[in-house]
C-alpha atoms as a PDB file:
ATOM      1  CA  MET A   1     101.946  53.956 169.774  1.00  0.00           C
ATOM      2  CA  SER A   2     100.477  53.521 166.286  1.00  0.00           C
ATOM      3  CA  GLU A   3      96.706  53.738 165.710  1.00  0.00           C
ATOM      4  CA  ALA A   4      96.588  50.029 164.885  1.00  0.00           C
ATOM      5  CA  LEU A   5      98.226  49.103 168.189  1.00  0.00           C
ATOM      6  CA  GLN A   6      96.020  51.525 170.106  1.00  0.00           C
ATOM      7  CA  ASN A   7      92.936  49.840 168.639  1.00  0.00           C
ATOM      8  CA  GLU A   8      94.227  46.294 169.087  1.00  0.00           C
ATOM      9  CA  ILE A   9      92.042  43.978 171.146  1.00  0.00           C
ATOM     10  CA  LEU A  10      93.861  40.712 170.448  1.00  0.00           C
ATOM     11  CA  PRO A  11      94.855  38.256 171.685  1.00  0.00           C
ATOM     12  CA  LEU A  12      91.481  36.790 172.606  1.00  0.00           C
ATOM     13  CA  GLU A  13      91.659  34.109 175.271  1.00  0.00           C
ATOM     14  CA  ILE A  14      88.789  31.741 175.994  1.00  0.00           C
ATOM     15  CA  GLU A  15      89.166  29.375 178.917  1.00  0.00           C
ATOM     16  CA  GLU A  16      86.964  26.412 179.891  1.00  0.00           C
ATOM     17  CA  LEU A  17      84.075  28.078 178.061  1.00  0.00           C
ATOM     18  CA  THR A  18      80.641  26.456 178.363  1.00  0.00           C
ATOM     19  CA  PHE A  19      77.192  27.435 177.148  1.00  0.00           C
ATOM     20  CA  GLU A  20      73.848  25.925 178.071  1.00  0.00           C
ATOM     21  CA  ALA A  21      70.346  26.237 176.625  1.00  0.00           C
ATOM     22  CA  GLY A  22      67.217  24.246 177.358  1.00  0.00           C
ATOM     23  CA  GLY A  23      69.027  22.326 180.054  1.00  0.00           C
ATOM     24  CA  LYS A  24      71.687  21.057 177.644  1.00  0.00           C
ATOM     25  CA  ARG A  25      75.370  21.902 177.426  1.00  0.00           C
ATOM     26  CA  LEU A  26      75.968  22.986 173.853  1.00  0.00           C
ATOM     27  CA  ILE A  27      79.526  24.307 174.283  1.00  0.00           C
ATOM     28  CA  LYS A  28      81.744  22.184 176.503  1.00  0.00           C
ATOM     29  CA  GLU A  29      84.919  23.472 178.198  1.00  0.00           C
ATOM     30  CA  VAL A  30      86.446  25.130 175.129  1.00  0.00           C
ATOM     31  CA  THR A  31      89.877  26.691 175.629  1.00  0.00           C
ATOM     32  CA  HIS A  32      91.820  28.529 172.923  1.00  0.00           C
ATOM     33  CA  LYS A  33      93.900  31.635 172.308  1.00  0.00           C
ATOM     34  CA  PHE A  34      93.325  33.677 169.142  1.00  0.00           C
ATOM     35  CA  ARG A  35      96.429  35.690 168.321  1.00  0.00           C
ATOM     36  CA  ALA A  36      96.795  38.458 165.774  1.00  0.00           C
ATOM     37  CA  GLY A  37      97.588  37.451 162.209  1.00  0.00           C
ATOM     38  CA  PRO A  38      96.321  34.155 160.835  1.00  0.00           C
ATOM     39  CA  ARG A  39      92.894  33.457 159.366  1.00  0.00           C
ATOM     40  CA  THR A  40      91.088  31.007 161.599  1.00  0.00           C
ATOM     41  CA  VAL A  41      88.436  28.663 160.243  1.00  0.00           C
ATOM     42  CA  ILE A  42      86.241  26.864 162.768  1.00  0.00           C
ATOM     43  CA  LEU A  43      85.351  23.646 161.006  1.00  0.00           C
ATOM     44  CA  GLY A  44      82.936  20.868 161.799  1.00  0.00           C
ATOM     45  CA  PRO A  45      79.614  19.257 160.885  1.00  0.00           C
ATOM     46  CA  ASN A  46      76.271  20.977 161.332  1.00  0.00           C
ATOM     47  CA  GLY A  47      75.388  21.167 165.010  1.00  0.00           C
ATOM     48  CA  ALA A  48      79.001  21.092 166.171  1.00  0.00           C
ATOM     49  CA  GLY A  49      78.668  24.408 168.040  1.00  0.00           C
ATOM     50  CA  LYS A  50      80.635  26.551 165.598  1.00  0.00           C
ATOM     51  CA  SER A  51      78.132  29.408 165.385  1.00  0.00           C
ATOM     52  CA  LEU A  52      77.506  29.384 169.124  1.00  0.00           C
ATOM     53  CA  LEU A  53      81.223  29.725 169.794  1.00  0.00           C
ATOM     54  CA  LEU A  54      81.413  32.680 167.406  1.00  0.00           C
ATOM     55  CA  ARG A  55      78.502  34.417 169.131  1.00  0.00           C
ATOM     56  CA  LEU A  56      80.050  33.851 172.537  1.00  0.00           C
ATOM     57  CA  CYS A  57      83.346  35.363 171.400  1.00  0.00           C
ATOM     58  CA  HIS A  58      81.553  38.324 169.834  1.00  0.00           C
ATOM     59  CA  GLY A  59      79.628  38.967 173.037  1.00  0.00           C
ATOM     60  CA  LEU A  60      76.140  38.186 171.732  1.00  0.00           C
ATOM     61  CA  LEU A  61      75.716  35.328 174.201  1.00  0.00           C
ATOM     62  CA  LYS A  62      76.810  34.944 177.790  1.00  0.00           C
ATOM     63  CA  PRO A  63      78.613  31.749 178.781  1.00  0.00           C
ATOM     64  CA  ALA A  64      77.328  29.512 181.530  1.00  0.00           C
ATOM     65  CA  SER A  65      80.885  29.326 182.836  1.00  0.00           C
ATOM     66  CA  GLY A  66      84.439  29.995 181.765  1.00  0.00           C
ATOM     67  CA  LYS A  67      86.242  33.140 180.728  1.00  0.00           C
ATOM     68  CA  ILE A  68      86.465  35.332 177.625  1.00  0.00           C
ATOM     69  CA  ARG A  69      89.326  37.837 177.777  1.00  0.00           C
ATOM     70  CA  TRP A  70      90.453  40.414 175.232  1.00  0.00           C
ATOM     71  CA  CYS A  71      94.051  41.231 176.069  1.00  0.00           C
ATOM     72  CA  GLY A  72      95.093  44.036 173.698  1.00  0.00           C
ATOM     73  CA  ALA A  73      95.570  47.749 174.340  1.00  0.00           C
ATOM     74  CA  ALA A  74      91.898  48.464 173.559  1.00  0.00           C
ATOM     75  CA  ALA A  75      90.577  45.564 175.617  1.00  0.00           C
ATOM     76  CA  ASP A  76      88.502  47.918 177.788  1.00  0.00           C
ATOM     77  CA  ASP A  77      86.167  48.554 174.812  1.00  0.00           C
ATOM     78  CA  PRO A  78      86.354  45.438 172.607  1.00  0.00           C
ATOM     79  CA  ALA A  79      82.896  45.891 171.077  1.00  0.00           C
ATOM     80  CA  ARG A  80      84.055  48.994 169.209  1.00  0.00           C
ATOM     81  CA  HIS A  81      86.879  47.132 167.487  1.00  0.00           C
ATOM     82  CA  GLN A  82      85.112  44.027 166.233  1.00  0.00           C
ATOM     83  CA  ALA A  83      82.277  43.183 163.846  1.00  0.00           C
ATOM     84  CA  MET A  84      80.297  40.143 162.771  1.00  0.00           C
ATOM     85  CA  VAL A  85      78.603  39.068 159.545  1.00  0.00           C
ATOM     86  CA  PHE A  86      75.882  36.460 159.843  1.00  0.00           C
ATOM     87  CA  GLN A  87      74.819  33.708 157.497  1.00  0.00           C
ATOM     88  CA  ARG A  88      71.658  35.693 156.738  1.00  0.00           C
ATOM     89  CA  PRO A  89      72.456  39.360 157.400  1.00  0.00           C
ATOM     90  CA  VAL A  90      69.741  41.921 158.017  1.00  0.00           C
ATOM     91  CA  MET A  91      69.510  44.645 155.378  1.00  0.00           C
ATOM     92  CA  LEU A  92      68.170  48.046 156.410  1.00  0.00           C
ATOM     93  CA  ARG A  93      65.322  49.591 154.392  1.00  0.00           C
ATOM     94  CA  ARG A  94      67.799  51.899 152.689  1.00  0.00           C
ATOM     95  CA  THR A  95      69.981  51.970 149.634  1.00  0.00           C
ATOM     96  CA  VAL A  96      73.177  49.994 149.424  1.00  0.00           C
ATOM     97  CA  ALA A  97      75.265  53.118 150.071  1.00  0.00           C
ATOM     98  CA  ALA A  98      73.011  54.228 152.924  1.00  0.00           C
ATOM     99  CA  ASN A  99      73.423  50.869 154.673  1.00  0.00           C
ATOM    100  CA  ILE A 100      77.168  51.448 154.864  1.00  0.00           C
ATOM    101  CA  ASP A 101      76.753  55.115 155.748  1.00  0.00           C
ATOM    102  CA  TYR A 102      74.476  54.248 158.661  1.00  0.00           C
ATOM    103  CA  ALA A 103      77.040  51.882 160.170  1.00  0.00           C
ATOM    104  CA  LEU A 104      79.640  54.643 160.008  1.00  0.00           C
ATOM    105  CA  SER A 105      77.287  57.231 161.499  1.00  0.00           C
ATOM    106  CA  LEU A 106      76.858  54.994 164.551  1.00  0.00           C
ATOM    107  CA  ARG A 107      80.634  55.290 165.072  1.00  0.00           C
ATOM    108  CA  GLY A 108      80.402  59.090 165.070  1.00  0.00           C
ATOM    109  CA  MET A 109      82.161  59.694 161.750  1.00  0.00           C
ATOM    110  CA  ASP A 110      81.371  63.059 160.134  1.00  0.00           C
ATOM    111  CA  ARG A 111      79.415  63.215 156.866  1.00  0.00           C
ATOM    112  CA  ASP A 112      82.279  64.097 154.522  1.00  0.00           C
ATOM    113  CA  ALA A 113      84.494  61.331 155.878  1.00  0.00           C
ATOM    114  CA  ARG A 114      81.612  58.882 155.651  1.00  0.00           C
ATOM    115  CA  LYS A 115      81.058  59.700 151.992  1.00  0.00           C
ATOM    116  CA  VAL A 116      84.690  58.931 151.153  1.00  0.00           C
ATOM    117  CA  ARG A 117      84.661  55.691 153.136  1.00  0.00           C
ATOM    118  CA  VAL A 118      81.372  54.532 151.607  1.00  0.00           C
ATOM    119  CA  GLU A 119      82.674  55.069 148.082  1.00  0.00           C
ATOM    120  CA  LYS A 120      85.850  53.176 148.901  1.00  0.00           C
ATOM    121  CA  MET A 121      83.920  50.228 150.355  1.00  0.00           C
ATOM    122  CA  LEU A 122      81.573  50.069 147.378  1.00  0.00           C
ATOM    123  CA  GLU A 123      84.517  50.016 144.997  1.00  0.00           C
ATOM    124  CA  SER A 124      86.448  47.461 147.056  1.00  0.00           C
ATOM    125  CA  THR A 125      83.524  45.031 147.097  1.00  0.00           C
ATOM    126  CA  GLY A 126      82.328  45.559 143.520  1.00  0.00           C
ATOM    127  CA  LEU A 127      79.057  47.196 144.550  1.00  0.00           C
ATOM    128  CA  SER A 128      79.523  50.682 143.089  1.00  0.00           C
ATOM    129  CA  ARG A 129      76.961  50.134 140.327  1.00  0.00           C
ATOM    130  CA  LEU A 130      74.371  49.186 142.955  1.00  0.00           C
ATOM    131  CA  ALA A 131      75.026  52.116 145.289  1.00  0.00           C
ATOM    132  CA  ASN A 132      71.553  53.621 144.898  1.00  0.00           C
ATOM    133  CA  SER A 133      69.630  50.339 144.736  1.00  0.00           C
ATOM    134  CA  PRO A 134      67.432  49.278 147.673  1.00  0.00           C
ATOM    135  CA  ALA A 135      69.500  46.816 149.695  1.00  0.00           C
ATOM    136  CA  ARG A 136      66.602  44.414 150.181  1.00  0.00           C
ATOM    137  CA  VAL A 137      66.146  43.772 146.442  1.00  0.00           C
ATOM    138  CA  LEU A 138      69.720  42.555 145.973  1.00  0.00           C
ATOM    139  CA  SER A 139      70.486  38.920 145.335  1.00  0.00           C
ATOM    140  CA  PHE A 140      71.581  36.950 148.375  1.00  0.00           C
ATOM    141  CA  GLY A 141      75.196  36.994 147.184  1.00  0.00           C
ATOM    142  CA  GLU A 142      75.079  40.765 146.725  1.00  0.00           C
ATOM    143  CA  GLN A 143      73.567  41.179 150.176  1.00  0.00           C
ATOM    144  CA  GLN A 144      76.443  39.198 151.635  1.00  0.00           C
ATOM    145  CA  LYS A 145      78.889  41.494 149.834  1.00  0.00           C
ATOM    146  CA  LEU A 146      77.075  44.465 151.299  1.00  0.00           C
ATOM    147  CA  ALA A 147      77.173  42.947 154.774  1.00  0.00           C
ATOM    148  CA  LEU A 148      80.934  42.524 154.408  1.00  0.00           C
ATOM    149  CA  ALA A 149      81.326  46.079 153.091  1.00  0.00           C
ATOM    150  CA  ARG A 150      79.271  47.441 155.996  1.00  0.00           C
ATOM    151  CA  ALA A 151      81.402  45.556 158.522  1.00  0.00           C
ATOM    152  CA  TRP A 152      84.708  46.376 156.805  1.00  0.00           C
ATOM    153  CA  ALA A 153      83.836  50.067 156.695  1.00  0.00           C
ATOM    154  CA  VAL A 154      84.217  50.457 160.459  1.00  0.00           C
ATOM    155  CA  LYS A 155      87.752  49.010 160.250  1.00  0.00           C
ATOM    156  CA  PRO A 156      87.361  46.260 162.838  1.00  0.00           C
ATOM    157  CA  ARG A 157      90.455  44.629 164.261  1.00  0.00           C
ATOM    158  CA  VAL A 158      88.547  41.335 164.347  1.00  0.00           C
ATOM    159  CA  LEU A 159      85.813  40.208 161.962  1.00  0.00           C
ATOM    160  CA  PHE A 160      83.685  37.176 162.822  1.00  0.00           C
ATOM    161  CA  LEU A 161      82.054  35.469 159.830  1.00  0.00           C
ATOM    162  CA  ASP A 162      79.352  32.848 160.346  1.00  0.00           C
ATOM    163  CA  GLU A 163      79.017  30.592 157.274  1.00  0.00           C
ATOM    164  CA  PRO A 164      79.261  33.623 154.944  1.00  0.00           C
ATOM    165  CA  THR A 165      78.750  31.629 151.717  1.00  0.00           C
ATOM    166  CA  ALA A 166      76.120  29.104 152.788  1.00  0.00           C
ATOM    167  CA  SER A 167      73.645  28.455 149.951  1.00  0.00           C
ATOM    168  CA  LEU A 168      75.649  30.478 147.428  1.00  0.00           C
ATOM    169  CA  ASP A 169      76.630  29.139 144.015  1.00  0.00           C
ATOM    170  CA  PRO A 170      80.342  28.746 143.139  1.00  0.00           C
ATOM    171  CA  ALA A 171      80.614  32.116 141.372  1.00  0.00           C
ATOM    172  CA  ALA A 172      79.083  34.026 144.282  1.00  0.00           C
ATOM    173  CA  THR A 173      81.190  32.052 146.746  1.00  0.00           C
ATOM    174  CA  HIS A 174      84.342  32.975 144.845  1.00  0.00           C
ATOM    175  CA  ALA A 175      83.366  36.664 144.902  1.00  0.00           C
ATOM    176  CA  ILE A 176      82.753  36.592 148.655  1.00  0.00           C
ATOM    177  CA  GLU A 177      86.046  34.812 149.299  1.00  0.00           C
ATOM    178  CA  ASP A 178      87.853  37.498 147.294  1.00  0.00           C
ATOM    179  CA  VAL A 179      86.355  40.167 149.572  1.00  0.00           C
ATOM    180  CA  ILE A 180      87.316  38.182 152.686  1.00  0.00           C
ATOM    181  CA  ASP A 181      90.870  37.918 151.371  1.00  0.00           C
ATOM    182  CA  ALA A 182      90.992  41.672 150.764  1.00  0.00           C
ATOM    183  CA  ILE A 183      89.775  42.376 154.298  1.00  0.00           C
ATOM    184  CA  HIS A 184      92.445  40.052 155.681  1.00  0.00           C
ATOM    185  CA  LYS A 185      95.175  41.734 153.645  1.00  0.00           C
ATOM    186  CA  ALA A 186      94.007  45.114 154.927  1.00  0.00           C
ATOM    187  CA  GLY A 187      94.859  43.975 158.457  1.00  0.00           C
ATOM    188  CA  THR A 188      91.623  42.658 159.945  1.00  0.00           C
ATOM    189  CA  ARG A 189      91.784  39.363 161.836  1.00  0.00           C
ATOM    190  CA  ILE A 190      89.367  36.855 160.267  1.00  0.00           C
ATOM    191  CA  ILE A 191      87.643  34.214 162.413  1.00  0.00           C
ATOM    192  CA  MET A 192      84.988  32.310 160.492  1.00  0.00           C
ATOM    193  CA  THR A 193      82.896  29.162 160.566  1.00  0.00           C
ATOM    194  CA  THR A 194      82.209  26.731 157.755  1.00  0.00           C
ATOM    195  CA  HIS A 195      81.403  23.083 157.185  1.00  0.00           C
ATOM    196  CA  ASP A 196      82.776  23.365 153.621  1.00  0.00           C
ATOM    197  CA  LEU A 197      86.107  21.554 153.444  1.00  0.00           C
ATOM    198  CA  GLY A 198      87.055  23.152 150.132  1.00  0.00           C
ATOM    199  CA  GLN A 199      86.500  26.620 151.500  1.00  0.00           C
ATOM    200  CA  ALA A 200      88.465  25.840 154.635  1.00  0.00           C
ATOM    201  CA  ARG A 201      91.405  24.657 152.513  1.00  0.00           C
ATOM    202  CA  ARG A 202      91.308  27.867 150.474  1.00  0.00           C
ATOM    203  CA  ILE A 203      91.022  30.296 153.371  1.00  0.00           C
ATOM    204  CA  ALA A 204      92.381  28.854 156.597  1.00  0.00           C
ATOM    205  CA  ASP A 205      95.788  29.486 158.097  1.00  0.00           C
ATOM    206  CA  GLU A 206      94.612  27.857 161.329  1.00  0.00           C
ATOM    207  CA  VAL A 207      91.837  25.276 161.784  1.00  0.00           C
ATOM    208  CA  LEU A 208      89.772  24.613 164.874  1.00  0.00           C
ATOM    209  CA  PHE A 209      87.764  21.412 164.563  1.00  0.00           C
ATOM    210  CA  MET A 210      84.601  21.145 166.649  1.00  0.00           C
ATOM    211  CA  HIS A 211      82.184  18.305 167.243  1.00  0.00           C
ATOM    212  CA  ARG A 212      79.240  18.120 169.657  1.00  0.00           C
ATOM    213  CA  GLY A 213      80.260  21.319 171.395  1.00  0.00           C
ATOM    214  CA  ARG A 214      83.856  20.361 172.033  1.00  0.00           C
ATOM    215  CA  LEU A 215      87.028  21.690 170.453  1.00  0.00           C
ATOM    216  CA  LEU A 216      88.746  18.460 169.433  1.00  0.00           C
ATOM    217  CA  GLU A 217      91.687  19.807 167.461  1.00  0.00           C
ATOM    218  CA  SER A 218      93.537  23.051 166.835  1.00  0.00           C
ATOM    219  CA  SER A 219      96.429  23.197 164.394  1.00  0.00           C
ATOM    220  CA  PRO A 220      97.938  25.007 161.390  1.00  0.00           C
ATOM    221  CA  ALA A 221      95.802  24.382 158.313  1.00  0.00           C
ATOM    222  CA  ASP A 222      98.480  22.489 156.370  1.00  0.00           C
ATOM    223  CA  ALA A 223      99.063  20.066 159.222  1.00  0.00           C
ATOM    224  CA  PHE A 224      95.353  19.604 159.844  1.00  0.00           C
ATOM    225  CA  PHE A 225      94.493  18.704 156.279  1.00  0.00           C
ATOM    226  CA  GLU A 226      97.564  16.531 155.791  1.00  0.00           C
ATOM    227  CA  ARG A 227      97.299  14.525 159.008  1.00  0.00           C
ATOM    228  CA  PRO A 228      94.631  15.462 161.570  1.00  0.00           C
ATOM    229  CA  GLU A 229      95.271  13.988 164.998  1.00  0.00           C
ATOM    230  CA  ASP A 230      91.675  13.550 166.119  1.00  0.00           C
ATOM    231  CA  GLU A 231      89.666  10.528 164.974  1.00  0.00           C
ATOM    232  CA  GLN A 232      86.532  12.588 164.363  1.00  0.00           C
ATOM    233  CA  ALA A 233      88.488  15.137 162.342  1.00  0.00           C
ATOM    234  CA  ARG A 234      89.955  12.383 160.162  1.00  0.00           C
ATOM    235  CA  ALA A 235      86.483  10.983 159.560  1.00  0.00           C
ATOM    236  CA  PHE A 236      85.129  14.422 158.662  1.00  0.00           C
ATOM    237  CA  ILE A 237      87.918  15.127 156.172  1.00  0.00           C
ATOM    238  CA  HIS A 238      87.391  11.767 154.477  1.00  0.00           C
ATOM    239  CA  GLY A 239      83.638  12.278 154.211  1.00  0.00           C
ATOM    240  CA  GLU A 240      82.830   9.466 156.611  1.00  0.00           C
ATOM    241  CA  LEU A 241      79.973   9.497 159.105  1.00  0.00           C
ATOM    242  CA  LEU A 242      81.823   7.908 161.987  1.00  0.00           C
ATOM    243  CA  TRP A 243      80.880  10.653 164.426  1.00  0.00           C
ATOM    244  CA  TRP A 244      77.263   9.446 164.427  1.00  0.00           C
ATOM    245  CA  ASP A 245      78.461   6.046 165.650  1.00  0.00           C
ATOM    246  CA  GLN A 246      80.505   7.310 168.568  1.00  0.00           C
ATOM    247  CA  PRO A 247      79.004   6.905 172.057  1.00  0.00           C
ATOM    248  CA  GLU A 248      77.872  10.185 173.575  1.00  0.00           C
ATOM    249  CA  THR A 249      79.870   9.399 176.721  1.00  0.00           C
ATOM    250  CA  ARG A 250      83.056  10.120 174.792  1.00  0.00           C
ATOM    251  CA  LEU A 251      82.078  13.780 174.562  1.00  0.00           C
ATOM    252  CA  GLN A 252      80.612  14.373 178.001  1.00  0.00           C
END
C-alpha cells in the first residue's frame, strides 16, 4: 500500500449531526459524505453554521448527537492526518521559519528533515524573504500565508479552512487562493467556508449551502451556480434577503 493510501482518512461521513450551545440548536441534523478529491466550499450567510460545522468535523467541538466517522485506512488516528487554518490564526512568538519548524517538531520530524521542509514551504508560499522576521509583525495577509504554510508542512490529507481571506484586499485574497490551489494540486483535500460568492465560484468543485444550521443543498459547483434547487440558495446567489423573511418553523 502506498504512503498516501496508508495515511488516508477519507471518506468522512457525518450523519444527523447536531450541535447545541446556550440551549439552542445551532447545527441541525446535518448529513453528508466528504469523499477524496474535490474542493468543497461550505457557503452561506453569516450565522449559517459554516464555521461550527468545520470545527465539529475537525474534532474541536463535540456534537450533541449524530455521528462523525473517518473511514480511510488511517481512520484510527485522524487527528494526525488533518489540519485547520482559522480566520484569525495564532502566530507563535517566533520567526516565520520557526513557526513552521515548530509544527514539524510536534510531528517528531528530525532537525535536518525539518530544515528542508521549512525551506520548501517558505518558497512555495512566497515567504522566503520573511523567513527570519517575527511572525507577529507580518501583515494579516502574510500571517494567513504563514498559517497555510505551517499547516501544509505537515502534509495533511484534509485541510479545513475557515474564511481564510476574510477582511483581505483583492491582491492578498488572490495570493491566498493561489496557495490553496497549490495545496489542492499537491493532493490535500480542501474543505473551506466562505460567504464570498466570487471566491466560491473560483475555488469550489462541490458546494454545500447552509442556512440557520441546516444543510439545504449539496451539489457540484457548476450545477449549484447555474440552477440551485433550494429557494434560500437561489436568494443568496441573487443577493436577495429572502431568508430573513422566512418563518423560523421552516427550519426547525
